[in-house]
Amino acid sequence: MKTLQTIENQIIRLTTSIEVNYPELYKTLDESPITIPSSSHPDMTVSIMEDYLETLKQMLKQYTKTHLKQ
């Protein structure tokens, strides 16, 4: 089982990569509802952070599929 620290590190690495390599996508991350804490679930759990990491991965995958066609 992954620890919260491990998942947070993965999120940091991925968002940094997005910021550097896909700045136009990075701008949209703060507009994503997934980044807004829910008042009904204010604590960050491993499950919540894993879901967020997966969301970031899917956003990047979809972005590269639709915007980087050559």
Protein backbone atom coordinates (compact mmCIF):
# COMPACT_ATOMS: atom_id res chain seq x y z
CA MET A 1 0.00 0.00 0.00
CA LYS A 2 1.27 3.43 -0.91
CA THR A 3 1.79 6.04 1.74
CA LEU A 4 0.35 9.52 1.56
CA GLN A 5 3.89 10.91 1.25
CA THR A 6 4.65 8.67 -1.73
CA ILE A 7 1.49 9.74 -3.53
CA GLU A 8 2.11 13.41 -2.78
CA ASN A 9 5.62 13.07 -4.24
CA GLN A 10 4.19 11.51 -7.39
CA ILE A 11 1.67 14.34 -7.69
CA ILE A 12 4.42 16.92 -7.28
CA ARG A 13 6.58 15.27 -9.94
CA LEU A 14 3.68 14.98 -12.35
CA THR A 15 2.43 18.54 -11.88
CA THR A 16 5.98 19.85 -12.26
CA SER A 17 6.35 17.90 -15.47
CA ILE A 18 3.04 19.26 -16.73
CA GLU A 19 4.09 22.80 -15.79
CA VAL A 20 7.37 22.51 -17.69
CA ASN A 21 6.25 20.49 -20.70
CA TYR A 22 2.60 21.47 -21.10
CA PRO A 23 2.16 24.97 -19.64
CA GLU A 24 -1.16 25.43 -21.43
CA LEU A 25 -2.52 22.36 -19.62
CA TYR A 26 -0.98 23.42 -16.33
CA LYS A 27 -3.00 26.64 -16.41
CA THR A 28 -6.20 24.61 -16.34
CA LEU A 29 -5.26 22.54 -13.30
CA ASP A 30 -6.30 25.21 -10.83
CA GLU A 31 -9.65 25.41 -12.59
CA SER A 32 -10.36 21.74 -12.11
CA PRO A 33 -13.05 20.99 -9.52
CA ILE A 34 -11.00 18.06 -8.24
CA THR A 35 -8.48 20.52 -6.78
CA ILE A 36 -11.09 22.29 -4.67
CA PRO A 37 -11.29 20.74 -1.20
CA SER A 38 -14.67 19.43 -0.25
CA SER A 39 -16.04 20.72 3.03
CA SER A 40 -17.60 17.32 3.65
CA HIS A 41 -14.17 15.65 3.28
CA PRO A 42 -11.55 18.17 4.43
CA ASP A 43 -8.93 15.52 5.26
CA MET A 44 -6.62 14.28 2.57
CA THR A 45 -6.58 10.50 2.64
CA VAL A 46 -4.54 8.07 0.59
CA SER A 47 -7.64 7.22 -1.41
CA ILE A 48 -8.45 10.86 -2.19
CA MET A 49 -4.89 11.58 -3.22
CA GLU A 50 -4.68 8.43 -5.36
CA ASP A 51 -7.86 9.52 -7.12
CA TYR A 52 -6.38 12.97 -7.71
CA LEU A 53 -3.15 11.47 -9.06
CA GLU A 54 -5.14 9.26 -11.41
CA THR A 55 -7.16 12.27 -12.55
CA LEU A 56 -3.96 14.15 -13.36
CA LYS A 57 -2.64 11.19 -15.32
CA GLN A 58 -5.86 10.90 -17.29
CA MET A 59 -5.92 14.64 -18.01
CA LEU A 60 -2.38 14.47 -19.36
CA LYS A 61 -3.10 11.36 -21.39
CA GLN A 62 -6.20 12.92 -22.94
CA TYR A 63 -4.41 16.20 -23.58
CA THR A 64 -1.49 14.56 -25.35
CA LYS A 65 -3.84 12.42 -27.39
CA THR A 66 -5.91 15.37 -28.63
CA HIS A 67 -3.37 18.19 -28.82
CA LEU A 68 -0.12 16.65 -29.90
CA LYS A 69 -1.16 14.95 -33.11
CA GLN A 70 1.46 15.36 -35.77
